[in-house]
Amino acid sequence: MTTLSEIVKKAMLAGLGAQEKAKEFVDDLVKAGELSKSDAASLVKEWTSKAAESTKDLDNRIRETISSVTEKINIPTRGDIESIEKKLKSINTRLKKLEGGKSGEEEGEREA
């Protein structure tokens, strides 16, 4: 099964290939005298900028989609898990105080 990251990687590689083909096309126009070198450089820079912007937009949309899907299927986020860990540590600390300061290791040794 193809993972989402593999799909994104293939799309980005395809985009890089398209950029290379576009650069070759512009170079051919310069060689044919249909485009000046300065115009070609500006055009390539503009296309590269637009491609980077499109890649960033795609990345944001993928992140939003993943976030939306995980929320809909009720998967806890990293923040949720960290919050639970923090609460659990607090509960463990309070429990140790109530037990008279015994550590978990002492309890484990007693049971063994």
PDB file of N, CA and C in Angstrom:
ATOM      1  N   MET A   1       0.839  -1.181   0.000  1.00  0.00           N
ATOM      2  CA  MET A   1       0.000   0.000   0.000  1.00  0.00           C
ATOM      3  C   MET A   1       0.882   1.242   0.000  1.00  0.00           C
ATOM      4  N   THR A   2       0.547   2.199  -0.817  1.00  0.00           N
ATOM      5  CA  THR A   2       1.310   3.434  -0.918  1.00  0.00           C
ATOM      6  C   THR A   2       0.897   4.378   0.203  1.00  0.00           C
ATOM      7  N   THR A   3       1.901   4.908   0.908  1.00  0.00           N
ATOM      8  CA  THR A   3       1.604   5.824   2.003  1.00  0.00           C
ATOM      9  C   THR A   3       1.434   7.243   1.469  1.00  0.00           C
ATOM     10  N   LEU A   4       0.832   8.094   2.297  1.00  0.00           N
ATOM     11  CA  LEU A   4       0.625   9.476   1.924  1.00  0.00           C
ATOM     12  C   LEU A   4       1.957  10.170   1.666  1.00  0.00           C
ATOM     13  N   SER A   5       2.951   9.865   2.489  1.00  0.00           N
ATOM     14  CA  SER A   5       4.245  10.509   2.308  1.00  0.00           C
ATOM     15  C   SER A   5       4.885  10.105   0.985  1.00  0.00           C
ATOM     16  N   GLU A   6       4.689   8.870   0.559  1.00  0.00           N
ATOM     17  CA  GLU A   6       5.225   8.436  -0.733  1.00  0.00           C
ATOM     18  C   GLU A   6       4.534   9.166  -1.878  1.00  0.00           C
ATOM     19  N   ILE A   7       3.229   9.374  -1.750  1.00  0.00           N
ATOM     20  CA  ILE A   7       2.470  10.082  -2.781  1.00  0.00           C
ATOM     21  C   ILE A   7       2.967  11.522  -2.893  1.00  0.00           C
ATOM     22  N   VAL A   8       3.143  12.178  -1.734  1.00  0.00           N
ATOM     23  CA  VAL A   8       3.623  13.557  -1.724  1.00  0.00           C
ATOM     24  C   VAL A   8       5.018  13.638  -2.324  1.00  0.00           C
ATOM     25  N   LYS A   9       5.876  12.682  -1.950  1.00  0.00           N
ATOM     26  CA  LYS A   9       7.244  12.668  -2.466  1.00  0.00           C
ATOM     27  C   LYS A   9       7.232  12.527  -3.996  1.00  0.00           C
ATOM     28  N   LYS A  10       6.384  11.641  -4.517  1.00  0.00           N
ATOM     29  CA  LYS A  10       6.302  11.451  -5.967  1.00  0.00           C
ATOM     30  C   LYS A  10       5.784  12.718  -6.648  1.00  0.00           C
ATOM     31  N   ALA A  11       4.806  13.376  -6.030  1.00  0.00           N
ATOM     32  CA  ALA A  11       4.260  14.607  -6.605  1.00  0.00           C
ATOM     33  C   ALA A  11       5.323  15.701  -6.651  1.00  0.00           C
ATOM     34  N   MET A  12       6.114  15.795  -5.584  1.00  0.00           N
ATOM     35  CA  MET A  12       7.166  16.812  -5.548  1.00  0.00           C
ATOM     36  C   MET A  12       8.246  16.512  -6.581  1.00  0.00           C
ATOM     37  N   LEU A  13       8.606  15.236  -6.720  1.00  0.00           N
ATOM     38  CA  LEU A  13       9.598  14.865  -7.724  1.00  0.00           C
ATOM     39  C   LEU A  13       9.079  15.155  -9.135  1.00  0.00           C
ATOM     40  N   ALA A  14       7.797  14.910  -9.344  1.00  0.00           N
ATOM     41  CA  ALA A  14       7.198  15.225 -10.643  1.00  0.00           C
ATOM     42  C   ALA A  14       7.252  16.730 -10.878  1.00  0.00           C
ATOM     43  N   GLY A  15       7.000  17.497  -9.826  1.00  0.00           N
ATOM     44  CA  GLY A  15       7.080  18.955  -9.926  1.00  0.00           C
ATOM     45  C   GLY A  15       8.485  19.413 -10.252  1.00  0.00           C
ATOM     46  N   LEU A  16       9.477  18.782  -9.633  1.00  0.00           N
ATOM     47  CA  LEU A  16      10.868  19.132  -9.931  1.00  0.00           C
ATOM     48  C   LEU A  16      11.211  18.790 -11.369  1.00  0.00           C
ATOM     49  N   GLY A  17      10.701  17.676 -11.847  1.00  0.00           N
ATOM     50  CA  GLY A  17      10.926  17.293 -13.243  1.00  0.00           C
ATOM     51  C   GLY A  17      10.285  18.292 -14.187  1.00  0.00           C
ATOM     52  N   ALA A  18       9.095  18.760 -13.831  1.00  0.00           N
ATOM     53  CA  ALA A  18       8.415  19.756 -14.657  1.00  0.00           C
ATOM     54  C   ALA A  18       9.197  21.065 -14.659  1.00  0.00           C
ATOM     55  N   GLN A  19       9.762  21.425 -13.516  1.00  0.00           N
ATOM     56  CA  GLN A  19      10.563  22.650 -13.440  1.00  0.00           C
ATOM     57  C   GLN A  19      11.787  22.535 -14.346  1.00  0.00           C
ATOM     58  N   GLU A  20      12.412  21.376 -14.335  1.00  0.00           N
ATOM     59  CA  GLU A  20      13.593  21.164 -15.173  1.00  0.00           C
ATOM     60  C   GLU A  20      13.222  21.264 -16.649  1.00  0.00           C
ATOM     61  N   LYS A  21      12.088  20.679 -17.011  1.00  0.00           N
ATOM     62  CA  LYS A  21      11.634  20.742 -18.410  1.00  0.00           C
ATOM     63  C   LYS A  21      11.324  22.190 -18.795  1.00  0.00           C
ATOM     64  N   ALA A  22      10.722  22.945 -17.879  1.00  0.00           N
ATOM     65  CA  ALA A  22      10.404  24.347 -18.148  1.00  0.00           C
ATOM     66  C   ALA A  22      11.692  25.146 -18.364  1.00  0.00           C
ATOM     67  N   LYS A  23      12.697  24.866 -17.536  1.00  0.00           N
ATOM     68  CA  LYS A  23      13.986  25.556 -17.669  1.00  0.00           C
ATOM     69  C   LYS A  23      14.625  25.218 -19.019  1.00  0.00           C
ATOM     70  N   GLU A  24      14.556  23.965 -19.419  1.00  0.00           N
ATOM     71  CA  GLU A  24      15.093  23.558 -20.728  1.00  0.00           C
ATOM     72  C   GLU A  24      14.352  24.271 -21.854  1.00  0.00           C
ATOM     73  N   PHE A  25      13.027  24.387 -21.706  1.00  0.00           N
ATOM     74  CA  PHE A  25      12.207  25.065 -22.716  1.00  0.00           C
ATOM     75  C   PHE A  25      12.635  26.528 -22.853  1.00  0.00           C
ATOM     76  N   VAL A  26      12.821  27.188 -21.686  1.00  0.00           N
ATOM     77  CA  VAL A  26      13.250  28.592 -21.697  1.00  0.00           C
ATOM     78  C   VAL A  26      14.642  28.709 -22.317  1.00  0.00           C
ATOM     79  N   ASP A  27      15.534  27.802 -21.981  1.00  0.00           N
ATOM     80  CA  ASP A  27      16.887  27.811 -22.562  1.00  0.00           C
ATOM     81  C   ASP A  27      16.816  27.667 -24.084  1.00  0.00           C
ATOM     82  N   ASP A  28      15.916  26.818 -24.562  1.00  0.00           N
ATOM     83  CA  ASP A  28      15.748  26.641 -26.008  1.00  0.00           C
ATOM     84  C   ASP A  28      15.252  27.932 -26.659  1.00  0.00           C
ATOM     85  N   LEU A  29      14.349  28.645 -25.975  1.00  0.00           N
ATOM     86  CA  LEU A  29      13.856  29.913 -26.513  1.00  0.00           C
ATOM     87  C   LEU A  29      14.975  30.955 -26.592  1.00  0.00           C
ATOM     88  N   VAL A  30      15.865  30.940 -25.591  1.00  0.00           N
ATOM     89  CA  VAL A  30      17.006  31.860 -25.599  1.00  0.00           C
ATOM     90  C   VAL A  30      17.927  31.512 -26.767  1.00  0.00           C
ATOM     91  N   LYS A  31      18.218  30.226 -26.949  1.00  0.00           N
ATOM     92  CA  LYS A  31      19.098  29.790 -28.045  1.00  0.00           C
ATOM     93  C   LYS A  31      18.510  30.163 -29.405  1.00  0.00           C
ATOM     94  N   ALA A  32      17.186  30.086 -29.497  1.00  0.00           N
ATOM     95  CA  ALA A  32      16.524  30.411 -30.765  1.00  0.00           C
ATOM     96  C   ALA A  32      16.396  31.915 -30.961  1.00  0.00           C
ATOM     97  N   GLY A  33      16.768  32.683 -29.945  1.00  0.00           N
ATOM     98  CA  GLY A  33      16.700  34.143 -30.062  1.00  0.00           C
ATOM     99  C   GLY A  33      15.315  34.706 -29.834  1.00  0.00           C
ATOM    100  N   GLU A  34      14.401  33.901 -29.355  1.00  0.00           N
ATOM    101  CA  GLU A  34      13.034  34.359 -29.128  1.00  0.00           C
ATOM    102  C   GLU A  34      12.838  34.965 -27.734  1.00  0.00           C
ATOM    103  N   LEU A  35      13.874  34.841 -26.899  1.00  0.00           N
ATOM    104  CA  LEU A  35      13.779  35.353 -25.537  1.00  0.00           C
ATOM    105  C   LEU A  35      15.173  35.788 -25.099  1.00  0.00           C
ATOM    106  N   SER A  36      15.258  36.955 -24.460  1.00  0.00           N
ATOM    107  CA  SER A  36      16.570  37.420 -23.990  1.00  0.00           C
ATOM    108  C   SER A  36      16.961  36.653 -22.729  1.00  0.00           C
ATOM    109  N   LYS A  37      18.248  36.663 -22.408  1.00  0.00           N
ATOM    110  CA  LYS A  37      18.714  35.961 -21.204  1.00  0.00           C
ATOM    111  C   LYS A  37      18.105  36.560 -19.941  1.00  0.00           C
ATOM    112  N   SER A  38      17.983  37.876 -19.897  1.00  0.00           N
ATOM    113  CA  SER A  38      17.416  38.510 -18.699  1.00  0.00           C
ATOM    114  C   SER A  38      15.936  38.162 -18.554  1.00  0.00           C
ATOM    115  N   ASP A  39      15.200  38.136 -19.700  1.00  0.00           N
ATOM    116  CA  ASP A  39      13.790  37.736 -19.642  1.00  0.00           C
ATOM    117  C   ASP A  39      13.666  36.271 -19.229  1.00  0.00           C
ATOM    118  N   ALA A  40      14.575  35.458 -19.727  1.00  0.00           N
ATOM    119  CA  ALA A  40      14.563  34.035 -19.381  1.00  0.00           C
ATOM    120  C   ALA A  40      14.806  33.846 -17.891  1.00  0.00           C
ATOM    121  N   ALA A  41      15.780  34.593 -17.352  1.00  0.00           N
ATOM    122  CA  ALA A  41      16.077  34.477 -15.925  1.00  0.00           C
ATOM    123  C   ALA A  41      14.880  34.908 -15.093  1.00  0.00           C
ATOM    124  N   SER A  42      14.220  35.986 -15.505  1.00  0.00           N
ATOM    125  CA  SER A  42      13.032  36.460 -14.789  1.00  0.00           C
ATOM    126  C   SER A  42      11.912  35.428 -14.854  1.00  0.00           C
ATOM    127  N   LEU A  43      11.739  34.843 -16.031  1.00  0.00           N
ATOM    128  CA  LEU A  43      10.681  33.850 -16.215  1.00  0.00           C
ATOM    129  C   LEU A  43      10.927  32.617 -15.356  1.00  0.00           C
ATOM    130  N   VAL A  44      12.157  32.128 -15.364  1.00  0.00           N
ATOM    131  CA  VAL A  44      12.506  30.955 -14.558  1.00  0.00           C
ATOM    132  C   VAL A  44      12.320  31.272 -13.075  1.00  0.00           C
ATOM    133  N   LYS A  45      12.753  32.459 -12.658  1.00  0.00           N
ATOM    134  CA  LYS A  45      12.603  32.856 -11.259  1.00  0.00           C
ATOM    135  C   LYS A  45      11.118  32.910 -10.874  1.00  0.00           C
ATOM    136  N   GLU A  46      10.303  33.471 -11.752  1.00  0.00           N
ATOM    137  CA  GLU A  46       8.854  33.562 -11.489  1.00  0.00           C
ATOM    138  C   GLU A  46       8.235  32.170 -11.384  1.00  0.00           C
ATOM    139  N   TRP A  47       8.574  31.293 -12.311  1.00  0.00           N
ATOM    140  CA  TRP A  47       8.023  29.934 -12.295  1.00  0.00           C
ATOM    141  C   TRP A  47       8.480  29.176 -11.051  1.00  0.00           C
ATOM    142  N   THR A  48       9.739  29.344 -10.688  1.00  0.00           N
ATOM    143  CA  THR A  48      10.264  28.671  -9.498  1.00  0.00           C
ATOM    144  C   THR A  48       9.544  29.161  -8.248  1.00  0.00           C
ATOM    145  N   SER A  49       9.313  30.458  -8.181  1.00  0.00           N
ATOM    146  CA  SER A  49       8.604  31.039  -7.040  1.00  0.00           C
ATOM    147  C   SER A  49       7.179  30.498  -6.962  1.00  0.00           C
ATOM    148  N   LYS A  50       6.508  30.445  -8.118  1.00  0.00           N
ATOM    149  CA  LYS A  50       5.132  29.923  -8.146  1.00  0.00           C
ATOM    150  C   LYS A  50       5.105  28.442  -7.781  1.00  0.00           C
ATOM    151  N   ALA A  51       6.105  27.696  -8.229  1.00  0.00           N
ATOM    152  CA  ALA A  51       6.164  26.266  -7.902  1.00  0.00           C
ATOM    153  C   ALA A  51       6.376  26.078  -6.401  1.00  0.00           C
ATOM    154  N   ALA A  52       7.236  26.901  -5.804  1.00  0.00           N
ATOM    155  CA  ALA A  52       7.473  26.807  -4.359  1.00  0.00           C
ATOM    156  C   ALA A  52       6.206  27.159  -3.595  1.00  0.00           C
ATOM    157  N   GLU A  53       5.491  28.168  -4.065  1.00  0.00           N
ATOM    158  CA  GLU A  53       4.237  28.564  -3.422  1.00  0.00           C
ATOM    159  C   GLU A  53       3.205  27.444  -3.535  1.00  0.00           C
ATOM    160  N   SER A  54       3.127  26.833  -4.706  1.00  0.00           N
ATOM    161  CA  SER A  54       2.179  25.723  -4.906  1.00  0.00           C
ATOM    162  C   SER A  54       2.523  24.551  -4.000  1.00  0.00           C
ATOM    163  N   THR A  55       3.809  24.262  -3.858  1.00  0.00           N
ATOM    164  CA  THR A  55       4.244  23.174  -2.990  1.00  0.00           C
ATOM    165  C   THR A  55       3.858  23.472  -1.542  1.00  0.00           C
ATOM    166  N   LYS A  56       4.049  24.704  -1.131  1.00  0.00           N
ATOM    167  CA  LYS A  56       3.687  25.108   0.232  1.00  0.00           C
ATOM    168  C   LYS A  56       2.177  24.984   0.438  1.00  0.00           C
ATOM    169  N   ASP A  57       1.401  25.424  -0.558  1.00  0.00           N
ATOM    170  CA  ASP A  57      -0.060  25.301  -0.472  1.00  0.00           C
ATOM    171  C   ASP A  57      -0.482  23.840  -0.379  1.00  0.00           C
ATOM    172  N   LEU A  58       0.143  22.991  -1.182  1.00  0.00           N
ATOM    173  CA  LEU A  58      -0.174  21.563  -1.162  1.00  0.00           C
ATOM    174  C   LEU A  58       0.143  20.976   0.207  1.00  0.00           C
ATOM    175  N   ASP A  59       1.292  21.336   0.751  1.00  0.00           N
ATOM    176  CA  ASP A  59       1.688  20.854   2.072  1.00  0.00           C
ATOM    177  C   ASP A  59       0.667  21.272   3.122  1.00  0.00           C
ATOM    178  N   ASN A  60       0.233  22.531   3.076  1.00  0.00           N
ATOM    179  CA  ASN A  60      -0.766  23.019   4.039  1.00  0.00           C
ATOM    180  C   ASN A  60      -2.087  22.275   3.895  1.00  0.00           C
ATOM    181  N   ARG A  61      -2.508  22.044   2.647  1.00  0.00           N
ATOM    182  CA  ARG A  61      -3.773  21.327   2.442  1.00  0.00           C
ATOM    183  C   ARG A  61      -3.686  19.890   2.952  1.00  0.00           C
ATOM    184  N   ILE A  62      -2.545  19.255   2.744  1.00  0.00           N
ATOM    185  CA  ILE A  62      -2.366  17.882   3.224  1.00  0.00           C
ATOM    186  C   ILE A  62      -2.424  17.863   4.748  1.00  0.00           C
ATOM    187  N   ARG A  63      -1.729  18.813   5.394  1.00  0.00           N
ATOM    188  CA  ARG A  63      -1.748  18.889   6.857  1.00  0.00           C
ATOM    189  C   ARG A  63      -3.163  19.118   7.384  1.00  0.00           C
ATOM    190  N   GLU A  64      -3.896  20.025   6.735  1.00  0.00           N
ATOM    191  CA  GLU A  64      -5.271  20.305   7.156  1.00  0.00           C
ATOM    192  C   GLU A  64      -6.150  19.069   6.990  1.00  0.00           C
ATOM    193  N   THR A  65      -5.968  18.353   5.895  1.00  0.00           N
ATOM    194  CA  THR A  65      -6.761  17.152   5.638  1.00  0.00           C
ATOM    195  C   THR A  65      -6.463  16.078   6.675  1.00  0.00           C
ATOM    196  N   ILE A  66      -5.190  15.875   6.956  1.00  0.00           N
ATOM    197  CA  ILE A  66      -4.809  14.874   7.954  1.00  0.00           C
ATOM    198  C   ILE A  66      -5.373  15.250   9.318  1.00  0.00           C
ATOM    199  N   SER A  67      -5.270  16.515   9.664  1.00  0.00           N
ATOM    200  CA  SER A  67      -5.794  16.993  10.945  1.00  0.00           C
ATOM    201  C   SER A  67      -7.300  16.772  11.022  1.00  0.00           C
ATOM    202  N   SER A  68      -7.987  17.093   9.948  1.00  0.00           N
ATOM    203  CA  SER A  68      -9.439  16.929   9.905  1.00  0.00           C
ATOM    204  C   SER A  68      -9.833  15.454  10.034  1.00  0.00           C
ATOM    205  N   VAL A  69      -9.118  14.592   9.326  1.00  0.00           N
ATOM    206  CA  VAL A  69      -9.426  13.155   9.361  1.00  0.00           C
ATOM    207  C   VAL A  69      -9.161  12.589  10.757  1.00  0.00           C
ATOM    208  N   THR A  70      -8.018  12.934  11.349  1.00  0.00           N
ATOM    209  CA  THR A  70      -7.715  12.406  12.680  1.00  0.00           C
ATOM    210  C   THR A  70      -8.717  12.903  13.706  1.00  0.00           C
ATOM    211  N   GLU A  71      -9.192  14.134  13.526  1.00  0.00           N
ATOM    212  CA  GLU A  71     -10.207  14.662  14.441  1.00  0.00           C
ATOM    213  C   GLU A  71     -11.533  13.911  14.273  1.00  0.00           C
ATOM    214  N   LYS A  72     -11.897  13.633  13.023  1.00  0.00           N
ATOM    215  CA  LYS A  72     -13.162  12.948  12.759  1.00  0.00           C
ATOM    216  C   LYS A  72     -13.160  11.514  13.282  1.00  0.00           C
ATOM    217  N   ILE A  73     -12.005  10.843  13.208  1.00  0.00           N
ATOM    218  CA  ILE A  73     -11.967   9.467  13.692  1.00  0.00           C
ATOM    219  C   ILE A  73     -11.499   9.389  15.139  1.00  0.00           C
ATOM    220  N   ASN A  74     -11.374  10.571  15.741  1.00  0.00           N
ATOM    221  CA  ASN A  74     -11.119  10.689  17.182  1.00  0.00           C
ATOM    222  C   ASN A  74      -9.775  10.090  17.618  1.00  0.00           C
ATOM    223  N   ILE A  75      -8.733  10.348  16.850  1.00  0.00           N
ATOM    224  CA  ILE A  75      -7.391   9.924  17.228  1.00  0.00           C
ATOM    225  C   ILE A  75      -6.780  11.031  18.083  1.00  0.00           C
ATOM    226  N   PRO A  76      -6.236  10.689  19.239  1.00  0.00           N
ATOM    227  CA  PRO A  76      -5.647  11.737  20.086  1.00  0.00           C
ATOM    228  C   PRO A  76      -4.421  12.369  19.429  1.00  0.00           C
ATOM    229  N   THR A  77      -4.291  13.666  19.630  1.00  0.00           N
ATOM    230  CA  THR A  77      -3.142  14.385  19.093  1.00  0.00           C
ATOM    231  C   THR A  77      -1.961  14.235  20.042  1.00  0.00           C
ATOM    232  N   ARG A  78      -0.796  14.685  19.616  1.00  0.00           N
ATOM    233  CA  ARG A  78       0.396  14.668  20.468  1.00  0.00           C
ATOM    234  C   ARG A  78       0.129  15.501  21.719  1.00  0.00           C
ATOM    235  N   GLY A  79      -0.540  16.642  21.533  1.00  0.00           N
ATOM    236  CA  GLY A  79      -0.882  17.499  22.668  1.00  0.00           C
ATOM    237  C   GLY A  79      -1.796  16.793  23.658  1.00  0.00           C
ATOM    238  N   ASP A  80      -2.772  16.038  23.144  1.00  0.00           N
ATOM    239  CA  ASP A  80      -3.674  15.281  24.022  1.00  0.00           C
ATOM    240  C   ASP A  80      -2.885  14.277  24.858  1.00  0.00           C
ATOM    241  N   ILE A  81      -1.984  13.569  24.212  1.00  0.00           N
ATOM    242  CA  ILE A  81      -1.195  12.546  24.908  1.00  0.00           C
ATOM    243  C   ILE A  81      -0.274  13.189  25.941  1.00  0.00           C
ATOM    244  N   GLU A  82       0.349  14.319  25.570  1.00  0.00           N
ATOM    245  CA  GLU A  82       1.220  15.016  26.522  1.00  0.00           C
ATOM    246  C   GLU A  82       0.431  15.506  27.727  1.00  0.00           C
ATOM    247  N   SER A  83      -0.781  15.975  27.489  1.00  0.00           N
ATOM    248  CA  SER A  83      -1.640  16.430  28.584  1.00  0.00           C
ATOM    249  C   SER A  83      -1.994  15.264  29.513  1.00  0.00           C
ATOM    250  N   ILE A  84      -2.311  14.135  28.944  1.00  0.00           N
ATOM    251  CA  ILE A  84      -2.632  12.945  29.746  1.00  0.00           C
ATOM    252  C   ILE A  84      -1.406  12.498  30.545  1.00  0.00           C
ATOM    253  N   GLU A  85      -0.230  12.518  29.916  1.00  0.00           N
ATOM    254  CA  GLU A  85       1.001  12.142  30.627  1.00  0.00           C
ATOM    255  C   GLU A  85       1.244  13.067  31.814  1.00  0.00           C
ATOM    256  N   LYS A  86       1.014  14.361  31.618  1.00  0.00           N
ATOM    257  CA  LYS A  86       1.208  15.340  32.688  1.00  0.00           C
ATOM    258  C   LYS A  86       0.244  15.070  33.843  1.00  0.00           C
ATOM    259  N   LYS A  87      -1.013  14.799  33.511  1.00  0.00           N
ATOM    260  CA  LYS A  87      -2.009  14.491  34.544  1.00  0.00           C
ATOM    261  C   LYS A  87      -1.650  13.201  35.271  1.00  0.00           C
ATOM    262  N   LEU A  88      -1.175  12.211  34.535  1.00  0.00           N
ATOM    263  CA  LEU A  88      -0.810  10.929  35.129  1.00  0.00           C
ATOM    264  C   LEU A  88       0.366  11.097  36.095  1.00  0.00           C
ATOM    265  N   LYS A  89       1.342  11.900  35.729  1.00  0.00           N
ATOM    266  CA  LYS A  89       2.469  12.162  36.622  1.00  0.00           C
ATOM    267  C   LYS A  89       1.985  12.836  37.901  1.00  0.00           C
ATOM    268  N   SER A  90       1.064  13.781  37.746  1.00  0.00           N
ATOM    269  CA  SER A  90       0.513  14.478  38.907  1.00  0.00           C
ATOM    270  C   SER A  90      -0.234  13.507  39.815  1.00  0.00           C
ATOM    271  N   ILE A  91      -1.016  12.629  39.231  1.00  0.00           N
ATOM    272  CA  ILE A  91      -1.760  11.629  40.011  1.00  0.00           C
ATOM    273  C   ILE A  91      -0.799  10.690  40.720  1.00  0.00           C
ATOM    274  N   ASN A  92       0.253  10.259  40.029  1.00  0.00           N
ATOM    275  CA  ASN A  92       1.245   9.372  40.645  1.00  0.00           C
ATOM    276  C   ASN A  92       1.923  10.045  41.834  1.00  0.00           C
ATOM    277  N   THR A  93       2.249  11.331  41.667  1.00  0.00           N
ATOM    278  CA  THR A  93       2.875  12.073  42.763  1.00  0.00           C
ATOM    279  C   THR A  93       1.940  12.141  43.972  1.00  0.00           C
ATOM    280  N   ARG A  94       0.684  12.458  43.720  1.00  0.00           N
ATOM    281  CA  ARG A  94      -0.300  12.540  44.814  1.00  0.00           C
ATOM    282  C   ARG A  94      -0.502  11.176  45.472  1.00  0.00           C
ATOM    283  N   LEU A  95      -0.522  10.115  44.662  1.00  0.00           N
ATOM    284  CA  LEU A  95      -0.704   8.768  45.178  1.00  0.00           C
ATOM    285  C   LEU A  95       0.459   8.364  46.077  1.00  0.00           C
ATOM    286  N   LYS A  96       1.673   8.713  45.661  1.00  0.00           N
ATOM    287  CA  LYS A  96       2.849   8.397  46.479  1.00  0.00           C
ATOM    288  C   LYS A  96       2.784   9.116  47.817  1.00  0.00           C
ATOM    289  N   LYS A  97       2.324  10.360  47.813  1.00  0.00           N
ATOM    290  CA  LYS A  97       2.186  11.107  49.065  1.00  0.00           C
ATOM    291  C   LYS A  97       1.154  10.442  49.970  1.00  0.00           C
ATOM    292  N   LEU A  98       0.068   9.994  49.384  1.00  0.00           N
ATOM    293  CA  LEU A  98      -0.982   9.336  50.173  1.00  0.00           C
ATOM    294  C   LEU A  98      -0.514   7.995  50.734  1.00  0.00           C
ATOM    295  N   GLU A  99       0.363   7.314  50.006  1.00  0.00           N
ATOM    296  CA  GLU A  99       0.878   6.023  50.461  1.00  0.00           C
ATOM    297  C   GLU A  99       2.039   6.182  51.430  1.00  0.00           C
ATOM    298  N   GLY A 100       2.384   7.395  51.740  1.00  0.00           N
ATOM    299  CA  GLY A 100       3.467   7.620  52.684  1.00  0.00           C
ATOM    300  C   GLY A 100       4.820   7.721  52.022  1.00  0.00           C
ATOM    301  N   GLY A 101       4.855   8.095  50.739  1.00  0.00           N
ATOM    302  CA  GLY A 101       6.119   8.331  50.056  1.00  0.00           C
ATOM    303  C   GLY A 101       6.789   7.092  49.523  1.00  0.00           C
ATOM    304  N   LYS A 102       6.097   5.968  49.503  1.00  0.00           N
ATOM    305  CA  LYS A 102       6.699   4.747  48.956  1.00  0.00           C
ATOM    306  C   LYS A 102       6.845   4.893  47.445  1.00  0.00           C
ATOM    307  N   SER A 103       7.993   4.459  46.934  1.00  0.00           N
ATOM    308  CA  SER A 103       8.200   4.535  45.486  1.00  0.00           C
ATOM    309  C   SER A 103       7.638   3.285  44.824  1.00  0.00           C
ATOM    310  N   GLY A 104       7.445   3.370  43.523  1.00  0.00           N
ATOM    311  CA  GLY A 104       6.949   2.223  42.769  1.00  0.00           C
ATOM    312  C   GLY A 104       7.894   1.050  42.847  1.00  0.00           C
ATOM    313  N   GLU A 105       9.206   1.312  42.975  1.00  0.00           N
ATOM    314  CA  GLU A 105      10.185   0.230  43.053  1.00  0.00           C
ATOM    315  C   GLU A 105      10.007  -0.550  44.350  1.00  0.00           C
ATOM    316  N   GLU A 106       9.762   0.181  45.458  1.00  0.00           N
ATOM    317  CA  GLU A 106       9.570  -0.495  46.736  1.00  0.00           C
ATOM    318  C   GLU A 106       8.347  -1.386  46.691  1.00  0.00           C
ATOM    319  N   GLU A 107       7.287  -0.906  46.054  1.00  0.00           N
ATOM    320  CA  GLU A 107       6.075  -1.690  45.927  1.00  0.00           C
ATOM    321  C   GLU A 107       6.353  -2.953  45.107  1.00  0.00           C
ATOM    322  N   GLY A 108       7.125  -2.787  44.016  1.00  0.00           N
ATOM    323  CA  GLY A 108       7.452  -3.917  43.160  1.00  0.00           C
ATOM    324  C   GLY A 108       8.284  -4.948  43.887  1.00  0.00           C
ATOM    325  N   GLU A 109       9.213  -4.476  44.749  1.00  0.00           N
ATOM    326  CA  GLU A 109      10.054  -5.392  45.509  1.00  0.00           C
ATOM    327  C   GLU A 109       9.232  -6.168  46.528  1.00  0.00           C
ATOM    328  N   ARG A 110       8.264  -5.481  47.139  1.00  0.00           N
ATOM    329  CA  ARG A 110       7.418  -6.133  48.126  1.00  0.00           C
ATOM    330  C   ARG A 110       6.559  -7.215  47.494  1.00  0.00           C
ATOM    331  N   GLU A 111       6.107  -6.969  46.290  1.00  0.00           N
ATOM    332  CA  GLU A 111       5.240  -7.953  45.628  1.00  0.00           C
ATOM    333  C   GLU A 111       6.032  -9.140  45.125  1.00  0.00           C
ATOM    334  N   ALA A 112       7.321  -8.965  44.873  1.00  0.00           N
ATOM    335  CA  ALA A 112       8.132 -10.021  44.282  1.00  0.00           C
ATOM    336  C   ALA A 112       8.480 -11.103  45.238  1.00  0.00           C
TER     337      ALA A 112
END
